[in-house]
Amino acid sequence: MTEWTVLRERMLVNPAVRAEYDALADEFALVEELIKARAHSGLTQEEIARRMGTTQSVVARLESGKSMPSTRTLKKYAEATGTRLVIRFEPAA
């Protein structure tokens, strides 16, 4: 296990931390998908930024989850990585 994984597991034992972490699950999932798309494309953040017409720091913020992107930005990111943006609603569990 990586140090981050070990630290996360230790912290998630705390019910308050777990509740906050779970509340951010959608944001974490989005960040994970962004990073997977870039990794699959084999491009750097700088290359993605150039294709999107923005800066590397904007791409870094998107991938860090520090900003909630618009669907327009997500579509640009998808096009830059050679992927297709798909948004759907699923029944609540």
C-alpha atoms as a PDB file:
ATOM      1  CA  MET A   1       0.000   0.000   0.000  1.00  0.00           C
ATOM      2  CA  THR A   2       1.133   3.547  -0.673  1.00  0.00           C
ATOM      3  CA  GLU A   3       1.627   5.998   2.166  1.00  0.00           C
ATOM      4  CA  TRP A   4      -1.445   7.930   0.995  1.00  0.00           C
ATOM      5  CA  THR A   5      -3.591   4.788   1.035  1.00  0.00           C
ATOM      6  CA  VAL A   6      -2.454   3.884   4.546  1.00  0.00           C
ATOM      7  CA  LEU A   7      -3.056   7.429   5.812  1.00  0.00           C
ATOM      8  CA  ARG A   8      -6.497   7.579   4.171  1.00  0.00           C
ATOM      9  CA  GLU A   9      -7.552   4.270   5.719  1.00  0.00           C
ATOM     10  CA  ARG A  10      -6.406   5.400   9.157  1.00  0.00           C
ATOM     11  CA  MET A  11      -8.283   8.674   8.857  1.00  0.00           C
ATOM     12  CA  LEU A  12     -11.471   7.049   7.579  1.00  0.00           C
ATOM     13  CA  VAL A  13     -11.840   5.125  10.822  1.00  0.00           C
ATOM     14  CA  ASN A  14     -13.029   8.413  12.351  1.00  0.00           C
ATOM     15  CA  PRO A  15     -16.811   8.619  11.697  1.00  0.00           C
ATOM     16  CA  ALA A  16     -16.732  12.399  11.166  1.00  0.00           C
ATOM     17  CA  VAL A  17     -13.928  12.118   8.624  1.00  0.00           C
ATOM     18  CA  ARG A  18     -15.723   9.209   6.917  1.00  0.00           C
ATOM     19  CA  ALA A  19     -18.927  11.261   6.625  1.00  0.00           C
ATOM     20  CA  GLU A  20     -17.093  14.194   5.020  1.00  0.00           C
ATOM     21  CA  TYR A  21     -15.168  11.859   2.705  1.00  0.00           C
ATOM     22  CA  ASP A  22     -18.356  10.100   1.625  1.00  0.00           C
ATOM     23  CA  ALA A  23     -20.048  13.456   0.982  1.00  0.00           C
ATOM     24  CA  LEU A  24     -17.302  14.221  -1.554  1.00  0.00           C
ATOM     25  CA  ALA A  25     -17.543  10.876  -3.360  1.00  0.00           C
ATOM     26  CA  ASP A  26     -18.913  12.387  -6.589  1.00  0.00           C
ATOM     27  CA  GLU A  27     -16.121  14.962  -6.747  1.00  0.00           C
ATOM     28  CA  PHE A  28     -13.498  12.277  -6.118  1.00  0.00           C
ATOM     29  CA  ALA A  29     -15.021  10.131  -8.865  1.00  0.00           C
ATOM     30  CA  LEU A  30     -14.898  13.028 -11.329  1.00  0.00           C
ATOM     31  CA  VAL A  31     -11.251  13.770 -10.528  1.00  0.00           C
ATOM     32  CA  GLU A  32     -10.397  10.084 -10.930  1.00  0.00           C
ATOM     33  CA  GLU A  33     -12.091   9.995 -14.342  1.00  0.00           C
ATOM     34  CA  LEU A  34     -10.243  13.114 -15.499  1.00  0.00           C
ATOM     35  CA  ILE A  35      -6.888  11.676 -14.501  1.00  0.00           C
ATOM     36  CA  LYS A  36      -7.705   8.301 -16.085  1.00  0.00           C
ATOM     37  CA  ALA A  37      -8.668   9.996 -19.358  1.00  0.00           C
ATOM     38  CA  ARG A  38      -5.399  11.935 -19.453  1.00  0.00           C
ATOM     39  CA  ALA A  39      -3.327   8.885 -18.537  1.00  0.00           C
ATOM     40  CA  HIS A  40      -5.050   6.845 -21.237  1.00  0.00           C
ATOM     41  CA  SER A  41      -4.388   9.606 -23.787  1.00  0.00           C
ATOM     42  CA  GLY A  42      -0.678   9.609 -22.921  1.00  0.00           C
ATOM     43  CA  LEU A  43      -0.703  13.410 -22.842  1.00  0.00           C
ATOM     44  CA  THR A  44       0.727  15.793 -20.263  1.00  0.00           C
ATOM     45  CA  GLN A  45      -1.285  18.468 -18.517  1.00  0.00           C
ATOM     46  CA  GLU A  46       0.480  21.020 -20.720  1.00  0.00           C
ATOM     47  CA  GLU A  47      -0.578  19.176 -23.883  1.00  0.00           C
ATOM     48  CA  ILE A  48      -4.166  18.877 -22.657  1.00  0.00           C
ATOM     49  CA  ALA A  49      -4.174  22.586 -21.815  1.00  0.00           C
ATOM     50  CA  ARG A  50      -2.920  23.520 -25.272  1.00  0.00           C
ATOM     51  CA  ARG A  51      -5.653  21.437 -26.895  1.00  0.00           C
ATOM     52  CA  MET A  52      -8.260  23.042 -24.629  1.00  0.00           C
ATOM     53  CA  GLY A  53      -6.977  26.559 -25.242  1.00  0.00           C
ATOM     54  CA  THR A  54      -6.107  27.134 -21.602  1.00  0.00           C
ATOM     55  CA  THR A  55      -3.134  26.839 -19.248  1.00  0.00           C
ATOM     56  CA  GLN A  56      -1.532  23.890 -17.495  1.00  0.00           C
ATOM     57  CA  SER A  57      -2.489  25.372 -14.121  1.00  0.00           C
ATOM     58  CA  VAL A  58      -6.184  25.241 -15.087  1.00  0.00           C
ATOM     59  CA  VAL A  59      -5.844  21.555 -15.973  1.00  0.00           C
ATOM     60  CA  ALA A  60      -4.010  20.933 -12.695  1.00  0.00           C
ATOM     61  CA  ARG A  61      -6.853  22.581 -10.760  1.00  0.00           C
ATOM     62  CA  LEU A  62      -9.412  20.457 -12.607  1.00  0.00           C
ATOM     63  CA  GLU A  63      -7.490  17.289 -11.776  1.00  0.00           C
ATOM     64  CA  SER A  64      -7.050  18.279  -8.143  1.00  0.00           C
ATOM     65  CA  GLY A  65     -10.755  18.833  -7.567  1.00  0.00           C
ATOM     66  CA  LYS A  66     -10.158  22.422  -6.472  1.00  0.00           C
ATOM     67  CA  SER A  67     -12.757  23.690  -8.898  1.00  0.00           C
ATOM     68  CA  MET A  68     -16.042  22.264 -10.112  1.00  0.00           C
ATOM     69  CA  PRO A  69     -15.914  22.450 -13.906  1.00  0.00           C
ATOM     70  CA  SER A  70     -18.813  23.314 -16.176  1.00  0.00           C
ATOM     71  CA  THR A  71     -20.078  20.767 -18.671  1.00  0.00           C
ATOM     72  CA  ARG A  72     -18.517  22.925 -21.403  1.00  0.00           C
ATOM     73  CA  THR A  73     -15.095  22.568 -19.735  1.00  0.00           C
ATOM     74  CA  LEU A  74     -15.588  18.832 -19.265  1.00  0.00           C
ATOM     75  CA  LYS A  75     -16.472  18.506 -22.948  1.00  0.00           C
ATOM     76  CA  LYS A  76     -13.296  20.388 -23.942  1.00  0.00           C
ATOM     77  CA  TYR A  77     -11.275  18.108 -21.662  1.00  0.00           C
ATOM     78  CA  ALA A  78     -12.884  15.035 -23.202  1.00  0.00           C
ATOM     79  CA  GLU A  79     -12.155  16.243 -26.723  1.00  0.00           C
ATOM     80  CA  ALA A  80      -8.561  17.063 -25.742  1.00  0.00           C
ATOM     81  CA  THR A  81      -8.059  13.523 -24.410  1.00  0.00           C
ATOM     82  CA  GLY A  82      -9.788  11.817 -27.315  1.00  0.00           C
ATOM     83  CA  THR A  83     -12.693  10.675 -25.162  1.00  0.00           C
ATOM     84  CA  ARG A  84     -16.421  11.354 -25.077  1.00  0.00           C
ATOM     85  CA  LEU A  85     -18.209  13.007 -22.168  1.00  0.00           C
ATOM     86  CA  VAL A  86     -21.151  10.956 -20.872  1.00  0.00           C
ATOM     87  CA  ILE A  87     -23.401  12.262 -18.103  1.00  0.00           C
ATOM     88  CA  ARG A  88     -26.250  10.207 -16.706  1.00  0.00           C
ATOM     89  CA  PHE A  89     -28.539   9.971 -13.723  1.00  0.00           C
ATOM     90  CA  GLU A  90     -28.898   6.682 -11.889  1.00  0.00           C
ATOM     91  CA  PRO A  91     -31.450   5.623  -9.299  1.00  0.00           C
ATOM     92  CA  ALA A  92     -30.385   6.372  -5.744  1.00  0.00           C
ATOM     93  CA  ALA A  93     -29.368   3.351  -3.742  1.00  0.00           C
END
